[in-house]
Amino acid sequence: TVAGIQDLVITDHNGCVFTLNTVLTQPAQIQVSFDANYLVGCDPLEVKLTNTSQEQYLSSWNFGDGSTGAGTETEHTFTGADCYDVNLEVTDVNGCSNNVTYAGFICVLETPVAEIGITNTDLGAYDAEAIITNLSINADSYSWNLGGMNDYDYFEPGSHVFPSYTADHFLITLFAYNDNGCLDSTTVLVNF
């Protein structure tokens, strides 16, 4: 049955027929909309999505990465550098529904992976040298701290002699940045 003027025919158990001319109306279509606290960010990107539609009885989400969710507000962690199409389907108390997809709504930027290579992590007074290499990927700039001493902004320290009798251990830290503004860090403990 479609909206408009319809004849409603009623037949009772005696066979009497009554015809009633009536107007059927269709409810207005649900206007679906949503928003997110972050649209772009580094991998992994945790996003809070909010149904901003006037109707919020049932909210079903498709995050565009094979995952789904439910609720007026939901949180999802997007992983993998890509832009994701997000879909929201809203159903009202009468069972009417509508949905909208925002193409490329959430964009996850590639995050570098910081990694330190070191030849020796157990040093002594007569063997205080280690070769420190940068094994990071997807990074454009670096910052090193070699255990409380000065910070260095170069690709890798290479051969480094740790000062004898100043500490029991040194914590080497590498920060790897990329041009997206994303950051990763890692540490290696060198025992003396």
N, C-alpha and C. Protein backbone atom coordinates (compact mmCIF):
# COMPACT_ATOMS: atom_id res chain seq x y z
N THR A 1 0.86 -1.18 0.00
CA THR A 1 0.00 0.00 0.00
C THR A 1 0.89 1.23 0.00
N VAL A 2 0.50 2.20 -0.79
CA VAL A 2 1.27 3.43 -0.88
C VAL A 2 0.50 4.56 -0.22
N ALA A 3 1.20 5.62 0.10
CA ALA A 3 0.58 6.80 0.71
C ALA A 3 -0.39 7.43 -0.28
N GLY A 4 -1.43 8.05 0.24
CA GLY A 4 -2.44 8.73 -0.59
C GLY A 4 -3.84 8.30 -0.16
N ILE A 5 -4.84 8.59 -1.00
CA ILE A 5 -6.23 8.23 -0.69
C ILE A 5 -6.42 6.77 -1.05
N GLN A 6 -6.90 6.01 -0.06
CA GLN A 6 -7.10 4.57 -0.21
C GLN A 6 -8.50 4.22 0.27
N ASP A 7 -9.08 3.18 -0.36
CA ASP A 7 -10.36 2.66 0.10
C ASP A 7 -10.09 1.50 1.03
N LEU A 8 -10.62 1.61 2.22
CA LEU A 8 -10.51 0.55 3.21
C LEU A 8 -11.83 -0.21 3.19
N VAL A 9 -11.82 -1.49 2.81
CA VAL A 9 -13.02 -2.30 2.70
C VAL A 9 -13.07 -3.24 3.88
N ILE A 10 -14.19 -3.15 4.62
CA ILE A 10 -14.38 -3.98 5.81
C ILE A 10 -15.58 -4.89 5.56
N THR A 11 -15.36 -6.19 5.76
CA THR A 11 -16.44 -7.16 5.63
C THR A 11 -16.61 -7.86 6.96
N ASP A 12 -17.84 -7.82 7.51
CA ASP A 12 -18.05 -8.49 8.80
C ASP A 12 -18.39 -9.95 8.59
N HIS A 13 -18.66 -10.69 9.66
CA HIS A 13 -18.91 -12.13 9.57
C HIS A 13 -20.27 -12.45 8.95
N ASN A 14 -21.13 -11.45 8.81
CA ASN A 14 -22.43 -11.65 8.15
C ASN A 14 -22.35 -11.34 6.66
N GLY A 15 -21.20 -10.92 6.19
CA GLY A 15 -21.05 -10.62 4.78
C GLY A 15 -21.35 -9.17 4.43
N CYS A 16 -21.64 -8.36 5.44
CA CYS A 16 -21.90 -6.95 5.18
C CYS A 16 -20.57 -6.26 4.87
N VAL A 17 -20.62 -5.39 3.85
CA VAL A 17 -19.42 -4.72 3.41
C VAL A 17 -19.54 -3.24 3.69
N PHE A 18 -18.49 -2.69 4.24
CA PHE A 18 -18.44 -1.25 4.50
C PHE A 18 -17.15 -0.73 3.87
N THR A 19 -17.25 0.33 3.09
CA THR A 19 -16.08 0.93 2.46
C THR A 19 -15.84 2.29 3.08
N LEU A 20 -14.62 2.48 3.50
CA LEU A 20 -14.23 3.75 4.12
C LEU A 20 -13.11 4.35 3.28
N ASN A 21 -13.35 5.57 2.85
CA ASN A 21 -12.33 6.30 2.09
C ASN A 21 -11.43 6.98 3.11
N THR A 22 -10.11 6.66 3.07
CA THR A 22 -9.20 7.20 4.07
C THR A 22 -7.91 7.69 3.41
N VAL A 23 -7.20 8.54 4.10
CA VAL A 23 -5.92 9.06 3.61
C VAL A 23 -4.80 8.42 4.42
N LEU A 24 -3.90 7.74 3.71
CA LEU A 24 -2.73 7.16 4.36
C LEU A 24 -1.56 8.12 4.14
N THR A 25 -0.87 8.41 5.21
CA THR A 25 0.30 9.29 5.09
C THR A 25 1.56 8.50 5.40
N GLN A 26 2.60 8.90 4.77
CA GLN A 26 3.89 8.26 5.01
C GLN A 26 4.72 9.21 5.87
N PRO A 27 5.35 8.68 6.92
CA PRO A 27 6.17 9.56 7.75
C PRO A 27 7.32 10.14 6.93
N ALA A 28 7.78 11.29 7.36
CA ALA A 28 8.91 11.92 6.68
C ALA A 28 10.13 11.01 6.78
N GLN A 29 10.93 11.01 5.73
CA GLN A 29 12.14 10.20 5.72
C GLN A 29 13.11 10.72 6.77
N ILE A 30 13.75 9.78 7.46
CA ILE A 30 14.74 10.14 8.47
C ILE A 30 15.94 10.78 7.78
N GLN A 31 16.35 11.93 8.27
CA GLN A 31 17.55 12.60 7.75
C GLN A 31 18.73 12.18 8.62
N VAL A 32 19.64 11.42 8.05
CA VAL A 32 20.74 10.83 8.81
C VAL A 32 21.99 11.71 8.68
N SER A 33 22.63 11.95 9.82
CA SER A 33 23.90 12.69 9.83
C SER A 33 24.71 12.22 11.04
N PHE A 34 26.02 12.41 10.93
CA PHE A 34 26.89 12.07 12.06
C PHE A 34 28.16 12.89 11.99
N ASP A 35 28.91 12.85 13.08
CA ASP A 35 30.15 13.60 13.18
C ASP A 35 31.16 12.75 13.95
N ALA A 36 32.42 13.20 13.93
CA ALA A 36 33.48 12.49 14.63
C ALA A 36 34.40 13.50 15.30
N ASN A 37 35.05 13.08 16.38
CA ASN A 37 35.96 13.99 17.07
C ASN A 37 37.27 14.17 16.33
N TYR A 38 37.69 13.20 15.50
CA TYR A 38 38.88 13.31 14.66
C TYR A 38 38.54 12.80 13.27
N LEU A 39 38.96 13.54 12.26
CA LEU A 39 38.76 13.11 10.88
C LEU A 39 40.06 12.63 10.25
N VAL A 40 41.18 13.13 10.76
CA VAL A 40 42.50 12.78 10.24
C VAL A 40 43.43 12.58 11.43
N GLY A 41 44.27 11.56 11.37
CA GLY A 41 45.24 11.34 12.44
C GLY A 41 46.17 10.20 12.12
N CYS A 42 47.11 10.00 13.01
CA CYS A 42 48.15 8.98 12.83
C CYS A 42 47.64 7.59 13.20
N ASP A 43 48.21 6.61 12.55
CA ASP A 43 47.87 5.21 12.76
C ASP A 43 48.51 4.70 14.06
N PRO A 44 47.75 4.08 14.96
CA PRO A 44 46.31 3.84 14.94
C PRO A 44 45.54 5.09 15.39
N LEU A 45 44.34 5.28 14.85
CA LEU A 45 43.54 6.47 15.14
C LEU A 45 42.25 6.07 15.85
N GLU A 46 42.11 6.47 17.12
CA GLU A 46 40.89 6.19 17.88
C GLU A 46 39.92 7.35 17.68
N VAL A 47 38.71 7.02 17.21
CA VAL A 47 37.73 8.03 16.84
C VAL A 47 36.43 7.78 17.60
N LYS A 48 35.83 8.86 18.08
CA LYS A 48 34.49 8.79 18.68
C LYS A 48 33.51 9.34 17.65
N LEU A 49 32.56 8.49 17.23
CA LEU A 49 31.55 8.87 16.25
C LEU A 49 30.22 9.11 16.95
N THR A 50 29.51 10.16 16.52
CA THR A 50 28.25 10.54 17.17
C THR A 50 27.16 10.70 16.13
N ASN A 51 26.02 10.03 16.35
CA ASN A 51 24.84 10.20 15.52
C ASN A 51 24.26 11.58 15.83
N THR A 52 24.24 12.48 14.85
CA THR A 52 23.69 13.83 15.04
C THR A 52 22.32 13.97 14.39
N SER A 53 21.73 12.85 13.96
CA SER A 53 20.39 12.86 13.38
C SER A 53 19.37 13.21 14.46
N GLN A 54 18.19 13.73 14.04
CA GLN A 54 17.13 13.97 15.03
C GLN A 54 16.62 12.65 15.58
N GLU A 55 16.57 11.62 14.75
CA GLU A 55 16.12 10.30 15.18
C GLU A 55 17.33 9.50 15.64
N GLN A 56 17.21 8.91 16.86
CA GLN A 56 18.35 8.17 17.39
C GLN A 56 17.93 6.88 18.09
N TYR A 57 16.79 6.31 17.69
CA TYR A 57 16.30 5.11 18.36
C TYR A 57 17.28 3.94 18.21
N LEU A 58 17.65 3.59 16.98
CA LEU A 58 18.65 2.55 16.73
C LEU A 58 19.68 3.10 15.76
N SER A 59 20.95 2.98 16.10
CA SER A 59 22.04 3.45 15.24
C SER A 59 22.97 2.27 14.95
N SER A 60 23.14 1.96 13.67
CA SER A 60 24.02 0.86 13.25
C SER A 60 25.12 1.44 12.37
N TRP A 61 26.37 1.16 12.74
CA TRP A 61 27.53 1.74 12.07
C TRP A 61 28.28 0.69 11.26
N ASN A 62 28.82 1.11 10.11
CA ASN A 62 29.77 0.33 9.34
C ASN A 62 30.97 1.24 9.14
N PHE A 63 32.13 0.85 9.67
CA PHE A 63 33.30 1.72 9.70
C PHE A 63 34.14 1.68 8.41
N GLY A 64 33.77 0.83 7.46
CA GLY A 64 34.47 0.80 6.19
C GLY A 64 35.75 -0.01 6.21
N ASP A 65 36.01 -0.68 7.32
CA ASP A 65 37.22 -1.52 7.43
C ASP A 65 36.87 -2.96 7.79
N GLY A 66 35.60 -3.30 7.58
CA GLY A 66 35.13 -4.65 7.92
C GLY A 66 34.55 -4.74 9.32
N SER A 67 34.57 -3.64 10.08
CA SER A 67 34.04 -3.64 11.44
C SER A 67 32.73 -2.87 11.49
N THR A 68 31.89 -3.26 12.45
CA THR A 68 30.61 -2.59 12.65
C THR A 68 30.46 -2.21 14.12
N GLY A 69 29.49 -1.36 14.39
CA GLY A 69 29.21 -0.95 15.75
C GLY A 69 27.76 -0.53 15.89
N ALA A 70 27.35 -0.24 17.12
CA ALA A 70 25.98 0.17 17.39
C ALA A 70 25.99 1.22 18.49
N GLY A 71 24.95 2.03 18.51
CA GLY A 71 24.80 3.02 19.56
C GLY A 71 24.85 4.43 19.01
N THR A 72 24.23 5.34 19.73
CA THR A 72 24.20 6.75 19.33
C THR A 72 25.62 7.32 19.28
N GLU A 73 26.44 6.92 20.24
CA GLU A 73 27.86 7.26 20.24
C GLU A 73 28.64 5.96 20.30
N THR A 74 29.70 5.90 19.51
CA THR A 74 30.53 4.71 19.50
C THR A 74 31.98 5.11 19.28
N GLU A 75 32.90 4.30 19.75
CA GLU A 75 34.32 4.53 19.53
C GLU A 75 34.87 3.39 18.68
N HIS A 76 35.78 3.76 17.79
CA HIS A 76 36.40 2.76 16.93
C HIS A 76 37.84 3.16 16.66
N THR A 77 38.73 2.18 16.62
CA THR A 77 40.12 2.43 16.31
C THR A 77 40.38 1.98 14.87
N PHE A 78 40.74 2.95 14.04
CA PHE A 78 41.07 2.69 12.65
C PHE A 78 42.58 2.41 12.56
N THR A 79 42.94 1.32 11.89
CA THR A 79 44.36 0.98 11.73
C THR A 79 44.65 0.78 10.25
N GLY A 80 45.84 1.16 9.86
CA GLY A 80 46.24 1.05 8.46
C GLY A 80 46.04 2.38 7.75
N ALA A 81 47.08 2.87 7.13
CA ALA A 81 47.03 4.15 6.44
C ALA A 81 46.07 4.06 5.26
N ASP A 82 44.95 4.81 5.34
CA ASP A 82 43.93 4.80 4.30
C ASP A 82 42.85 5.79 4.69
N CYS A 83 41.94 6.08 3.76
CA CYS A 83 40.74 6.85 4.07
C CYS A 83 39.56 5.89 4.04
N TYR A 84 38.70 5.97 5.03
CA TYR A 84 37.63 4.99 5.23
C TYR A 84 36.26 5.63 5.02
N ASP A 85 35.39 4.91 4.28
CA ASP A 85 33.99 5.30 4.09
C ASP A 85 33.22 4.82 5.31
N VAL A 86 32.51 5.73 5.98
CA VAL A 86 31.75 5.37 7.17
C VAL A 86 30.27 5.49 6.86
N ASN A 87 29.50 4.47 7.27
CA ASN A 87 28.06 4.43 7.03
C ASN A 87 27.31 4.36 8.35
N LEU A 88 26.22 5.12 8.44
CA LEU A 88 25.33 5.06 9.60
C LEU A 88 23.92 4.79 9.11
N GLU A 89 23.29 3.75 9.67
CA GLU A 89 21.88 3.47 9.41
C GLU A 89 21.11 3.75 10.69
N VAL A 90 20.03 4.55 10.57
CA VAL A 90 19.21 4.92 11.71
C VAL A 90 17.81 4.35 11.50
N THR A 91 17.27 3.70 12.54
CA THR A 91 15.93 3.14 12.51
C THR A 91 15.11 3.78 13.61
N ASP A 92 13.86 4.20 13.27
CA ASP A 92 13.01 4.83 14.29
C ASP A 92 12.15 3.78 14.99
N VAL A 93 11.31 4.20 15.93
CA VAL A 93 10.49 3.28 16.72
C VAL A 93 9.46 2.55 15.87
N ASN A 94 9.13 3.08 14.69
CA ASN A 94 8.15 2.44 13.80
C ASN A 94 8.80 1.45 12.85
N GLY A 95 10.13 1.32 12.91
CA GLY A 95 10.82 0.40 12.02
C GLY A 95 11.26 1.04 10.71
N CYS A 96 10.99 2.33 10.54
CA CYS A 96 11.45 3.02 9.33
C CYS A 96 12.94 3.31 9.47
N SER A 97 13.67 3.21 8.37
CA SER A 97 15.11 3.44 8.46
C SER A 97 15.61 4.20 7.23
N ASN A 98 16.78 4.76 7.40
CA ASN A 98 17.50 5.42 6.32
C ASN A 98 18.97 5.38 6.70
N ASN A 99 19.83 5.57 5.71
CA ASN A 99 21.26 5.55 6.01
C ASN A 99 21.98 6.56 5.13
N VAL A 100 23.21 6.87 5.54
CA VAL A 100 24.08 7.74 4.77
C VAL A 100 25.50 7.22 4.89
N THR A 101 26.25 7.35 3.80
CA THR A 101 27.67 7.00 3.79
C THR A 101 28.47 8.25 3.49
N TYR A 102 29.45 8.56 4.34
CA TYR A 102 30.38 9.65 4.08
C TYR A 102 31.65 9.02 3.52
N ALA A 103 31.89 9.27 2.23
CA ALA A 103 33.04 8.66 1.55
C ALA A 103 34.34 9.31 2.03
N GLY A 104 35.33 8.47 2.33
CA GLY A 104 36.64 8.97 2.76
C GLY A 104 36.57 9.84 4.00
N PHE A 105 35.65 9.52 4.91
CA PHE A 105 35.36 10.37 6.07
C PHE A 105 36.50 10.40 7.08
N ILE A 106 37.09 9.24 7.35
CA ILE A 106 38.19 9.14 8.31
C ILE A 106 39.46 8.77 7.55
N CYS A 107 40.50 9.60 7.68
CA CYS A 107 41.77 9.33 7.00
C CYS A 107 42.86 9.08 8.04
N VAL A 108 43.48 7.92 7.93
CA VAL A 108 44.54 7.51 8.83
C VAL A 108 45.88 7.69 8.11
N LEU A 109 46.78 8.41 8.75
CA LEU A 109 48.09 8.69 8.17
C LEU A 109 49.10 7.64 8.61
N GLU A 110 50.04 7.38 7.73
CA GLU A 110 51.08 6.40 8.02
C GLU A 110 51.94 6.88 9.19
N THR A 111 52.17 5.99 10.13
CA THR A 111 53.02 6.28 11.28
C THR A 111 54.35 5.56 11.10
N PRO A 112 55.46 6.23 11.37
CA PRO A 112 56.75 5.54 11.26
C PRO A 112 56.87 4.46 12.33
N VAL A 113 57.80 3.55 12.11
CA VAL A 113 58.11 2.52 13.09
C VAL A 113 59.57 2.72 13.50
N ALA A 114 59.77 3.13 14.75
CA ALA A 114 61.12 3.36 15.26
C ALA A 114 61.73 2.04 15.71
N GLU A 115 63.00 1.82 15.31
CA GLU A 115 63.68 0.60 15.74
C GLU A 115 65.18 0.88 15.84
N ILE A 116 65.77 0.42 16.93
CA ILE A 116 67.19 0.61 17.19
C ILE A 116 67.91 -0.72 17.01
N GLY A 117 69.03 -0.68 16.31
CA GLY A 117 69.93 -1.83 16.24
C GLY A 117 71.17 -1.50 17.06
N ILE A 118 71.64 -2.46 17.85
CA ILE A 118 72.82 -2.22 18.68
C ILE A 118 73.63 -3.51 18.77
N THR A 119 74.95 -3.37 18.68
CA THR A 119 75.82 -4.55 18.67
C THR A 119 75.98 -5.18 20.04
N ASN A 120 75.89 -4.38 21.11
CA ASN A 120 76.17 -4.91 22.44
C ASN A 120 75.39 -4.10 23.47
N THR A 121 74.63 -4.76 24.32
CA THR A 121 73.88 -4.06 25.37
C THR A 121 74.45 -4.32 26.75
N ASP A 122 75.48 -5.14 26.84
CA ASP A 122 76.15 -5.39 28.12
C ASP A 122 77.61 -4.94 27.99
N LEU A 123 77.90 -3.74 28.50
CA LEU A 123 79.23 -3.13 28.35
C LEU A 123 80.02 -3.21 29.65
N GLY A 124 81.29 -2.98 29.55
CA GLY A 124 82.15 -2.94 30.73
C GLY A 124 83.16 -1.82 30.59
N ALA A 125 83.97 -1.63 31.62
CA ALA A 125 84.94 -0.53 31.64
C ALA A 125 85.93 -0.64 30.49
N TYR A 126 86.27 -1.86 30.08
CA TYR A 126 87.25 -2.03 29.01
C TYR A 126 86.59 -2.28 27.64
N ASP A 127 85.27 -2.38 27.67
CA ASP A 127 84.52 -2.59 26.42
C ASP A 127 83.28 -1.71 26.48
N ALA A 128 83.47 -0.40 26.39
CA ALA A 128 82.38 0.57 26.55
C ALA A 128 81.84 1.08 25.23
N GLU A 129 82.18 0.41 24.14
CA GLU A 129 81.76 0.88 22.82
C GLU A 129 80.65 -0.01 22.27
N ALA A 130 79.66 0.63 21.64
CA ALA A 130 78.59 -0.09 20.94
C ALA A 130 78.33 0.62 19.62
N ILE A 131 77.96 -0.16 18.63
CA ILE A 131 77.56 0.43 17.35
C ILE A 131 76.04 0.48 17.33
N ILE A 132 75.52 1.71 17.21
CA ILE A 132 74.08 1.94 17.28
C ILE A 132 73.59 2.33 15.89
N THR A 133 72.63 1.56 15.38
CA THR A 133 72.09 1.82 14.04
C THR A 133 70.61 2.13 14.10
N ASN A 134 70.15 2.81 13.08
CA ASN A 134 68.75 3.19 12.96
C ASN A 134 68.09 2.23 11.97
N LEU A 135 67.16 1.42 12.44
CA LEU A 135 66.45 0.46 11.61
C LEU A 135 65.00 0.89 11.37
N SER A 136 64.70 2.15 11.62
CA SER A 136 63.34 2.67 11.49
C SER A 136 62.86 2.63 10.04
N ILE A 137 61.53 2.56 9.88
CA ILE A 137 60.94 2.63 8.54
C ILE A 137 59.88 3.73 8.51
N ASN A 138 59.68 4.28 7.34
CA ASN A 138 58.67 5.32 7.07
C ASN A 138 58.89 6.59 7.89
N ALA A 139 60.14 6.91 8.20
CA ALA A 139 60.45 8.12 8.97
C ALA A 139 61.28 9.08 8.13
N ASP A 140 61.14 10.37 8.44
CA ASP A 140 61.87 11.41 7.71
C ASP A 140 62.88 12.15 8.57
N SER A 141 62.68 12.14 9.88
CA SER A 141 63.64 12.79 10.78
C SER A 141 63.68 12.02 12.09
N TYR A 142 64.77 12.27 12.85
CA TYR A 142 65.04 11.45 14.03
C TYR A 142 65.59 12.32 15.15
N SER A 143 65.36 11.86 16.38
CA SER A 143 65.98 12.48 17.55
C SER A 143 66.40 11.35 18.48
N TRP A 144 67.65 11.41 18.91
CA TRP A 144 68.23 10.37 19.77
C TRP A 144 68.58 10.96 21.13
N ASN A 145 68.40 10.15 22.16
CA ASN A 145 68.97 10.45 23.47
C ASN A 145 69.75 9.20 23.85
N LEU A 146 71.03 9.38 24.13
CA LEU A 146 71.91 8.23 24.39
C LEU A 146 72.12 8.01 25.88
N GLY A 147 71.07 8.11 26.64
CA GLY A 147 71.14 7.77 28.05
C GLY A 147 71.37 8.94 28.96
N GLY A 148 70.66 10.02 28.74
CA GLY A 148 70.77 11.18 29.63
C GLY A 148 71.76 12.21 29.17
N MET A 149 72.51 11.89 28.16
CA MET A 149 73.44 12.87 27.62
C MET A 149 72.68 13.73 26.62
N ASN A 150 73.37 14.44 25.80
CA ASN A 150 72.74 15.34 24.84
C ASN A 150 71.82 14.61 23.87
N ASP A 151 70.84 15.36 23.35
CA ASP A 151 69.99 14.84 22.27
C ASP A 151 70.67 15.13 20.94
N TYR A 152 70.49 14.22 20.01
CA TYR A 152 71.10 14.35 18.69
C TYR A 152 70.02 14.20 17.62
N ASP A 153 70.08 15.03 16.60
CA ASP A 153 69.11 14.98 15.51
C ASP A 153 69.79 14.54 14.22
N TYR A 154 70.21 13.29 14.17
CA TYR A 154 70.80 12.75 12.97
C TYR A 154 70.26 11.35 12.76
N PHE A 155 70.61 10.76 11.61
CA PHE A 155 70.05 9.46 11.24
C PHE A 155 70.40 8.38 12.24
N GLU A 156 71.69 8.23 12.58
CA GLU A 156 72.09 7.23 13.57
C GLU A 156 73.42 7.61 14.20
N PRO A 157 73.62 7.20 15.45
CA PRO A 157 74.87 7.54 16.14
C PRO A 157 76.09 6.78 15.60
N GLY A 158 75.90 5.57 15.12
CA GLY A 158 77.05 4.77 14.69
C GLY A 158 77.83 4.28 15.90
N SER A 159 79.15 4.33 15.82
CA SER A 159 80.00 3.88 16.92
C SER A 159 79.94 4.90 18.05
N HIS A 160 79.63 4.41 19.26
CA HIS A 160 79.51 5.31 20.41
C HIS A 160 80.18 4.68 21.63
N VAL A 161 81.02 5.46 22.30
CA VAL A 161 81.68 5.00 23.52
C VAL A 161 80.96 5.63 24.70
N PHE A 162 80.45 4.78 25.59
CA PHE A 162 79.76 5.26 26.77
C PHE A 162 80.78 5.57 27.87
N PRO A 163 80.56 6.63 28.63
CA PRO A 163 81.52 7.00 29.68
C PRO A 163 81.54 5.95 30.80
N SER A 164 82.73 5.54 31.18
CA SER A 164 82.90 4.53 32.23
C SER A 164 82.59 5.12 33.60
N TYR A 165 82.06 4.30 34.48
CA TYR A 165 81.86 4.62 35.89
C TYR A 165 80.94 5.82 36.14
N THR A 166 80.04 6.12 35.22
CA THR A 166 79.11 7.23 35.45
C THR A 166 77.69 6.74 35.73
N ALA A 167 77.38 5.53 35.27
CA ALA A 167 76.02 5.01 35.49
C ALA A 167 76.06 3.49 35.39
N ASP A 168 75.06 2.84 36.01
CA ASP A 168 74.93 1.39 35.91
C ASP A 168 74.31 0.98 34.58
N HIS A 169 73.54 1.90 34.03
CA HIS A 169 72.90 1.62 32.74
C HIS A 169 72.58 2.93 32.02
N PHE A 170 72.39 2.81 30.73
CA PHE A 170 72.02 3.95 29.88
C PHE A 170 70.77 3.55 29.09
N LEU A 171 69.80 4.43 29.06
CA LEU A 171 68.58 4.18 28.30
C LEU A 171 68.68 4.97 26.99
N ILE A 172 68.82 4.24 25.90
CA ILE A 172 68.89 4.87 24.58
C ILE A 172 67.46 5.02 24.06
N THR A 173 67.12 6.22 23.63
CA THR A 173 65.77 6.48 23.12
C THR A 173 65.87 7.06 21.72
N LEU A 174 65.04 6.54 20.82
CA LEU A 174 64.95 7.05 19.45
C LEU A 174 63.52 7.50 19.19
N PHE A 175 63.38 8.75 18.73
CA PHE A 175 62.10 9.27 18.26
C PHE A 175 62.19 9.36 16.74
N ALA A 176 61.24 8.75 16.05
CA ALA A 176 61.20 8.79 14.58
C ALA A 176 59.95 9.53 14.16
N TYR A 177 60.12 10.55 13.32
CA TYR A 177 59.02 11.40 12.85
C TYR A 177 58.89 11.25 11.33
N ASN A 178 57.67 11.46 10.83
CA ASN A 178 57.54 11.56 9.37
C ASN A 178 56.91 12.91 9.01
N ASP A 179 56.84 13.19 7.72
CA ASP A 179 56.34 14.48 7.26
C ASP A 179 54.85 14.68 7.54
N ASN A 180 54.13 13.61 7.89
CA ASN A 180 52.72 13.72 8.28
C ASN A 180 52.56 14.28 9.69
N GLY A 181 53.67 14.37 10.43
CA GLY A 181 53.61 14.78 11.82
C GLY A 181 53.39 13.62 12.77
N CYS A 182 53.48 12.40 12.26
CA CYS A 182 53.30 11.22 13.10
C CYS A 182 54.64 10.82 13.72
N LEU A 183 54.56 10.18 14.87
CA LEU A 183 55.73 9.89 15.70
C LEU A 183 55.66 8.48 16.25
N ASP A 184 56.81 7.84 16.34
CA ASP A 184 56.94 6.60 17.08
C ASP A 184 58.26 6.69 17.85
N SER A 185 58.34 5.95 18.94
CA SER A 185 59.59 5.95 19.71
C SER A 185 59.86 4.54 20.22
N THR A 186 61.12 4.31 20.54
CA THR A 186 61.53 3.03 21.09
C THR A 186 62.75 3.26 21.98
N THR A 187 62.99 2.31 22.87
CA THR A 187 64.13 2.43 23.78
C THR A 187 64.89 1.11 23.85
N VAL A 188 66.17 1.20 24.18
CA VAL A 188 67.01 0.03 24.44
C VAL A 188 67.82 0.34 25.69
N LEU A 189 67.87 -0.59 26.61
CA LEU A 189 68.63 -0.43 27.85
C LEU A 189 70.02 -1.03 27.66
N VAL A 190 71.04 -0.22 27.92
CA VAL A 190 72.42 -0.68 27.85
C VAL A 190 72.94 -0.78 29.27
N ASN A 191 73.35 -1.97 29.66
CA ASN A 191 73.87 -2.20 31.01
C ASN A 191 75.38 -2.01 31.03
N PHE A 192 75.86 -1.42 32.11
CA PHE A 192 77.29 -1.15 32.24
C PHE A 192 77.85 -1.94 33.39
